[in-house]
Amino acid sequence: MLPTTSVNSRSQGNGALSPRDAARHTAGAKRYKYLRRLFHFRQMDFEFALWQMLYLFTSPQRVYRNFHYRKQTKDQWARDDPAFLVLLSIWLCVSTVGFGFVLDMGFFETVKLLLWVVFIDCVGVGLLIATLMWFISNKYLVKQQNRDYDVEWGYAFDVHLNAFYPLLVILHFIQLFFINYVIISDSVIGYFVGNTLWLIAIGYYIYVTFLGYSALPFLKNTAILLYPFALLIMLYLISLACGWNFTKMLCSFYKYRVK
């Protein structure tokens, strides 16, 4: 059994945390430590963050296995090293510049697009999803006998970042090579290729999210997080039948936003 920490664990013989340990394990203390390391690049483990990015595509289970090790050694599920976030930000910048180039945007339009993608698509939507999943998992998925355990909000946000990275690479990098010559053309093959990439990207997001919460031993019924697959496949089939081109709609939306 992998060790987990509850609000009543790590005692000093009377079942309570010592004042020093309690202060060190508060959400505020963890957040301060994380933000402080954000300004010390030499303290970040970029090699390990790159390893995580690679395995999020090939074997995401191994990434969450490392979260178990962190819980054992550092008594927290969420990342304490912002290297992954920094590399993800670089990916966002590079892919957005590529998107701006493919859509023939000017410099200032590309900057506006970058700000939108970073603060709305990634951070804004991420905060919303992480908060919603944090609430749902703590409210409905914690096992009855483990009510002293809870899902850290930072872990919920990490799960979003893990799931967002493959989606970003598929839709903002791989898709770029097919947009002008295949996807936005008024043909069946165009919306088939584009919508299939959307199916893979969002499907990967759902799957990696499911792995993140199923990795927590004190949660139950995490399989319900896979239910959106049914809606996703249904929407995909309807889009093919109706000729909807999601990528073309996204490109039109981005051009409208940067005007």
Protein backbone atom coordinates (compact mmCIF):
# COMPACT_ATOMS: atom_id res chain seq x y z
CA MET A 1 0.00 0.00 0.00
CA LEU A 2 1.43 3.37 -1.01
CA PRO A 3 1.52 5.79 1.92
CA THR A 4 -0.79 8.76 1.79
CA THR A 5 -1.09 11.61 4.22
CA SER A 6 -4.29 12.74 5.85
CA VAL A 7 -4.94 15.72 8.02
CA ASN A 8 -4.49 13.43 11.03
CA SER A 9 -1.26 11.75 9.96
CA ARG A 10 2.37 12.54 10.73
CA SER A 11 1.74 12.72 14.43
CA GLN A 12 3.97 13.35 17.35
CA GLY A 13 2.40 10.65 19.46
CA ASN A 14 -0.90 12.41 20.13
CA GLY A 15 -2.29 12.29 16.56
CA ALA A 16 -1.63 15.97 15.78
CA LEU A 17 0.87 17.73 13.56
CA SER A 18 3.57 19.69 15.26
CA PRO A 19 3.26 23.47 14.69
CA ARG A 20 6.40 23.43 12.53
CA ASP A 21 5.14 20.58 10.32
CA ALA A 22 1.67 22.08 10.11
CA ALA A 23 3.07 25.40 8.87
CA ARG A 24 5.28 23.66 6.34
CA HIS A 25 2.39 21.63 4.86
CA THR A 26 -0.21 24.35 4.46
CA ALA A 27 -1.38 25.21 0.96
CA GLY A 28 0.04 28.72 1.33
CA ALA A 29 3.49 27.42 2.28
CA LYS A 30 3.54 25.03 -0.69
CA ARG A 31 2.39 27.79 -3.04
CA TYR A 32 5.07 30.16 -1.74
CA LYS A 33 7.77 27.54 -2.23
CA TYR A 34 6.56 26.84 -5.78
CA LEU A 35 6.43 30.52 -6.79
CA ARG A 36 9.81 31.21 -5.19
CA ARG A 37 11.43 28.48 -7.30
CA LEU A 38 9.83 30.00 -10.40
CA PHE A 39 12.49 32.73 -10.31
CA HIS A 40 15.43 30.36 -9.76
CA PHE A 41 16.05 28.56 -13.03
CA ARG A 42 19.12 26.76 -11.71
CA GLN A 43 16.95 24.99 -9.13
CA MET A 44 14.56 23.63 -11.75
CA ASP A 45 14.93 20.12 -13.12
CA PHE A 46 14.24 20.71 -16.83
CA GLU A 47 15.61 17.31 -17.81
CA PHE A 48 13.01 15.58 -15.65
CA ALA A 49 10.26 17.90 -16.96
CA LEU A 50 11.22 16.92 -20.53
CA TRP A 51 11.07 13.27 -19.48
CA GLN A 52 7.52 13.85 -18.23
CA MET A 53 6.50 15.53 -21.49
CA LEU A 54 7.82 12.59 -23.48
CA TYR A 55 6.04 10.00 -21.37
CA LEU A 56 2.76 11.91 -21.40
CA PHE A 57 2.59 10.72 -25.01
CA THR A 58 4.11 7.26 -24.72
CA SER A 59 3.24 6.10 -21.18
CA PRO A 60 1.34 8.66 -19.06
CA GLN A 61 0.93 6.09 -16.27
CA ARG A 62 4.66 6.43 -15.54
CA VAL A 63 4.26 10.17 -15.03
CA TYR A 64 1.61 9.64 -12.35
CA ARG A 65 3.73 6.94 -10.77
CA ASN A 66 6.24 9.68 -10.07
CA PHE A 67 3.50 11.67 -8.30
CA HIS A 68 3.23 8.71 -5.92
CA TYR A 69 6.97 8.94 -5.23
CA ARG A 70 6.64 12.66 -4.53
CA LYS A 71 3.89 11.96 -2.02
CA GLN A 72 6.13 9.43 -0.27
CA THR A 73 9.19 11.67 -0.15
CA LYS A 74 7.80 15.23 0.03
CA ASP A 75 4.32 14.68 1.45
CA GLN A 76 2.46 16.33 -1.41
CA TRP A 77 0.88 15.16 -4.63
CA ALA A 78 1.30 18.39 -6.60
CA ARG A 79 4.53 19.40 -8.30
CA ASP A 80 6.93 21.47 -6.25
CA ASP A 81 9.13 22.22 -9.29
CA PRO A 82 7.79 24.74 -11.85
CA ALA A 83 10.07 23.44 -14.64
CA PHE A 84 7.15 21.70 -16.38
CA LEU A 85 5.13 24.93 -16.36
CA VAL A 86 8.07 26.90 -17.78
CA LEU A 87 8.60 24.41 -20.62
CA LEU A 88 4.87 24.36 -21.32
CA SER A 89 4.91 28.16 -21.56
CA ILE A 90 7.74 27.96 -24.10
CA TRP A 91 5.74 25.41 -26.09
CA LEU A 92 2.76 27.77 -26.02
CA CYS A 93 4.84 30.65 -27.33
CA VAL A 94 6.47 28.66 -30.13
CA SER A 95 3.27 26.95 -31.27
CA THR A 96 1.29 30.20 -31.18
CA VAL A 97 3.89 31.98 -33.29
CA GLY A 98 3.60 29.08 -35.73
CA PHE A 99 -0.17 29.42 -35.70
CA GLY A 100 0.12 33.13 -36.39
CA PHE A 101 2.47 32.44 -39.30
CA VAL A 102 0.17 29.80 -40.82
CA LEU A 103 -2.84 32.13 -40.51
CA ASP A 104 -0.81 35.00 -42.02
CA MET A 105 -1.13 37.25 -38.98
CA GLY A 106 0.97 40.34 -38.37
CA PHE A 107 3.28 40.86 -35.38
CA PHE A 108 0.75 42.58 -33.11
CA GLU A 109 -1.99 40.14 -34.09
CA THR A 110 0.30 37.24 -33.16
CA VAL A 111 1.07 38.87 -29.80
CA LYS A 112 -2.67 39.24 -29.13
CA LEU A 113 -3.18 35.60 -30.08
CA LEU A 114 -0.37 34.56 -27.75
CA LEU A 115 -1.91 36.48 -24.83
CA TRP A 116 -5.28 34.88 -25.55
CA VAL A 117 -3.87 31.34 -25.76
CA VAL A 118 -1.78 31.71 -22.57
CA PHE A 119 -4.20 33.56 -20.29
CA ILE A 120 -7.54 32.25 -21.59
CA ASP A 121 -7.05 28.87 -23.29
CA CYS A 122 -4.42 27.54 -20.89
CA VAL A 123 -4.51 29.42 -17.58
CA GLY A 124 -8.12 30.67 -17.49
CA VAL A 125 -9.74 27.45 -18.68
CA GLY A 126 -7.23 25.49 -16.58
CA LEU A 127 -8.18 27.32 -13.39
CA LEU A 128 -11.86 26.71 -14.11
CA ILE A 129 -11.43 22.99 -14.89
CA ALA A 130 -9.01 22.40 -12.00
CA THR A 131 -11.36 24.09 -9.52
CA LEU A 132 -14.36 22.16 -10.84
CA MET A 133 -12.52 18.81 -10.72
CA TRP A 134 -11.10 19.63 -7.27
CA PHE A 135 -14.62 20.28 -5.97
CA ILE A 136 -16.20 17.24 -7.63
CA SER A 137 -13.46 14.83 -6.57
CA ASN A 138 -13.46 15.99 -2.94
CA LYS A 139 -17.25 16.16 -2.77
CA TYR A 140 -18.23 12.94 -4.53
CA LEU A 141 -15.25 10.70 -5.26
CA VAL A 142 -13.45 10.40 -1.91
CA LYS A 143 -14.06 7.00 -0.34
CA GLN A 144 -16.23 7.11 2.76
CA GLN A 145 -13.57 5.53 4.95
CA ASN A 146 -10.98 8.07 3.74
CA ARG A 147 -12.82 11.32 4.48
CA ASP A 148 -9.71 12.69 6.18
CA TYR A 149 -7.95 12.72 2.79
CA ASP A 150 -8.47 15.34 0.15
CA VAL A 151 -7.37 16.17 -3.38
CA GLU A 152 -4.95 19.09 -3.42
CA TRP A 153 -6.01 21.94 -5.69
CA GLY A 154 -2.43 22.15 -6.96
CA TYR A 155 -2.63 18.49 -7.97
CA ALA A 156 -5.89 19.15 -9.86
CA PHE A 157 -4.14 21.95 -11.76
CA ASP A 158 -1.16 19.67 -12.47
CA VAL A 159 -3.53 17.08 -13.92
CA HIS A 160 -4.93 19.78 -16.23
CA LEU A 161 -1.43 20.80 -17.36
CA ASN A 162 -0.51 17.16 -17.98
CA ALA A 163 -3.63 16.65 -20.09
CA PHE A 164 -3.31 20.02 -21.84
CA TYR A 165 0.23 19.39 -23.11
CA PRO A 166 -0.61 16.55 -25.57
CA LEU A 167 -3.69 18.51 -26.71
CA LEU A 168 -1.49 21.54 -27.34
CA VAL A 169 1.05 19.57 -29.37
CA ILE A 170 -1.64 17.90 -31.51
CA LEU A 171 -3.78 20.97 -32.21
CA HIS A 172 -1.15 23.74 -32.15
CA PHE A 173 1.81 21.94 -33.67
CA ILE A 174 1.03 18.77 -35.63
CA GLN A 175 -2.13 20.31 -37.08
CA LEU A 176 -0.20 23.32 -38.40
CA PHE A 177 1.34 21.20 -41.20
CA PHE A 178 -2.12 20.33 -42.58
CA ILE A 179 -4.15 23.51 -42.09
CA ASN A 180 -3.56 25.47 -45.29
CA TYR A 181 -3.21 22.57 -47.70
CA VAL A 182 -5.68 20.02 -46.31
CA ILE A 183 -7.87 20.96 -43.35
CA ILE A 184 -9.40 24.32 -44.29
CA SER A 185 -10.11 23.22 -47.84
CA ASP A 186 -13.81 22.75 -48.64
CA SER A 187 -13.54 19.01 -49.00
CA VAL A 188 -14.53 15.89 -47.10
CA ILE A 189 -10.89 14.97 -46.47
CA GLY A 190 -10.31 18.44 -44.98
CA TYR A 191 -12.82 18.27 -42.16
CA PHE A 192 -12.19 14.54 -41.73
CA VAL A 193 -8.48 15.11 -41.00
CA GLY A 194 -9.11 18.22 -38.87
CA ASN A 195 -11.94 16.74 -36.82
CA THR A 196 -10.02 13.49 -36.32
CA LEU A 197 -7.12 15.45 -34.84
CA TRP A 198 -9.59 17.15 -32.51
CA LEU A 199 -11.00 13.75 -31.53
CA ILE A 200 -7.52 12.43 -30.71
CA ALA A 201 -6.50 15.59 -28.81
CA ILE A 202 -9.61 15.89 -26.64
CA GLY A 203 -9.72 12.12 -26.17
CA TYR A 204 -6.15 12.24 -24.92
CA TYR A 205 -7.09 15.08 -22.55
CA ILE A 206 -9.93 13.00 -21.08
CA TYR A 207 -7.75 9.90 -20.75
CA VAL A 208 -4.80 11.66 -19.07
CA THR A 209 -7.24 13.41 -16.71
CA PHE A 210 -8.76 10.05 -15.81
CA LEU A 211 -5.31 8.60 -15.11
CA GLY A 212 -4.53 11.54 -12.84
CA TYR A 213 -7.48 10.99 -10.54
CA SER A 214 -7.48 7.19 -10.71
CA ALA A 215 -3.87 7.34 -9.44
CA LEU A 216 -5.11 8.65 -6.09
CA PRO A 217 -5.78 5.59 -3.88
CA PHE A 218 -8.41 7.33 -1.74
CA LEU A 219 -10.77 8.09 -4.64
CA LYS A 220 -13.56 5.83 -5.90
CA ASN A 221 -15.57 5.50 -9.12
CA THR A 222 -13.01 7.45 -11.16
CA ALA A 223 -14.15 5.53 -14.26
CA ILE A 224 -16.99 8.05 -14.57
CA LEU A 225 -14.35 10.51 -15.80
CA LEU A 226 -14.23 8.45 -19.00
CA TYR A 227 -17.94 8.94 -19.72
CA PRO A 228 -17.36 12.11 -21.79
CA PHE A 229 -15.78 9.80 -24.41
CA ALA A 230 -19.29 8.77 -25.48
CA LEU A 231 -20.36 12.39 -26.00
CA LEU A 232 -17.07 13.15 -27.79
CA ILE A 233 -17.47 10.28 -30.28
CA MET A 234 -21.12 11.19 -30.87
CA LEU A 235 -20.18 14.82 -31.57
CA TYR A 236 -17.38 13.66 -33.88
CA LEU A 237 -19.75 11.49 -35.95
CA ILE A 238 -22.34 14.28 -36.13
CA SER A 239 -19.65 16.74 -37.29
CA LEU A 240 -18.63 14.41 -40.12
CA ALA A 241 -22.24 13.88 -41.15
CA CYS A 242 -22.97 17.63 -41.14
CA GLY A 243 -19.64 18.74 -42.61
CA TRP A 244 -18.58 20.85 -39.63
CA ASN A 245 -14.92 21.79 -39.70
CA PHE A 246 -13.77 22.49 -36.13
CA THR A 247 -10.33 23.72 -37.18
CA LYS A 248 -11.78 26.14 -39.69
CA MET A 249 -14.12 27.46 -36.99
CA LEU A 250 -11.16 27.84 -34.60
CA CYS A 251 -9.10 29.74 -37.17
CA SER A 252 -12.02 32.10 -37.87
CA PHE A 253 -12.49 32.62 -34.13
CA TYR A 254 -8.78 33.39 -33.59
CA LYS A 255 -8.76 35.89 -36.47
CA TYR A 256 -11.85 37.56 -35.02
CA ARG A 257 -10.29 37.78 -31.54
CA VAL A 258 -7.09 39.51 -32.70
CA LYS A 259 -8.76 42.19 -34.84
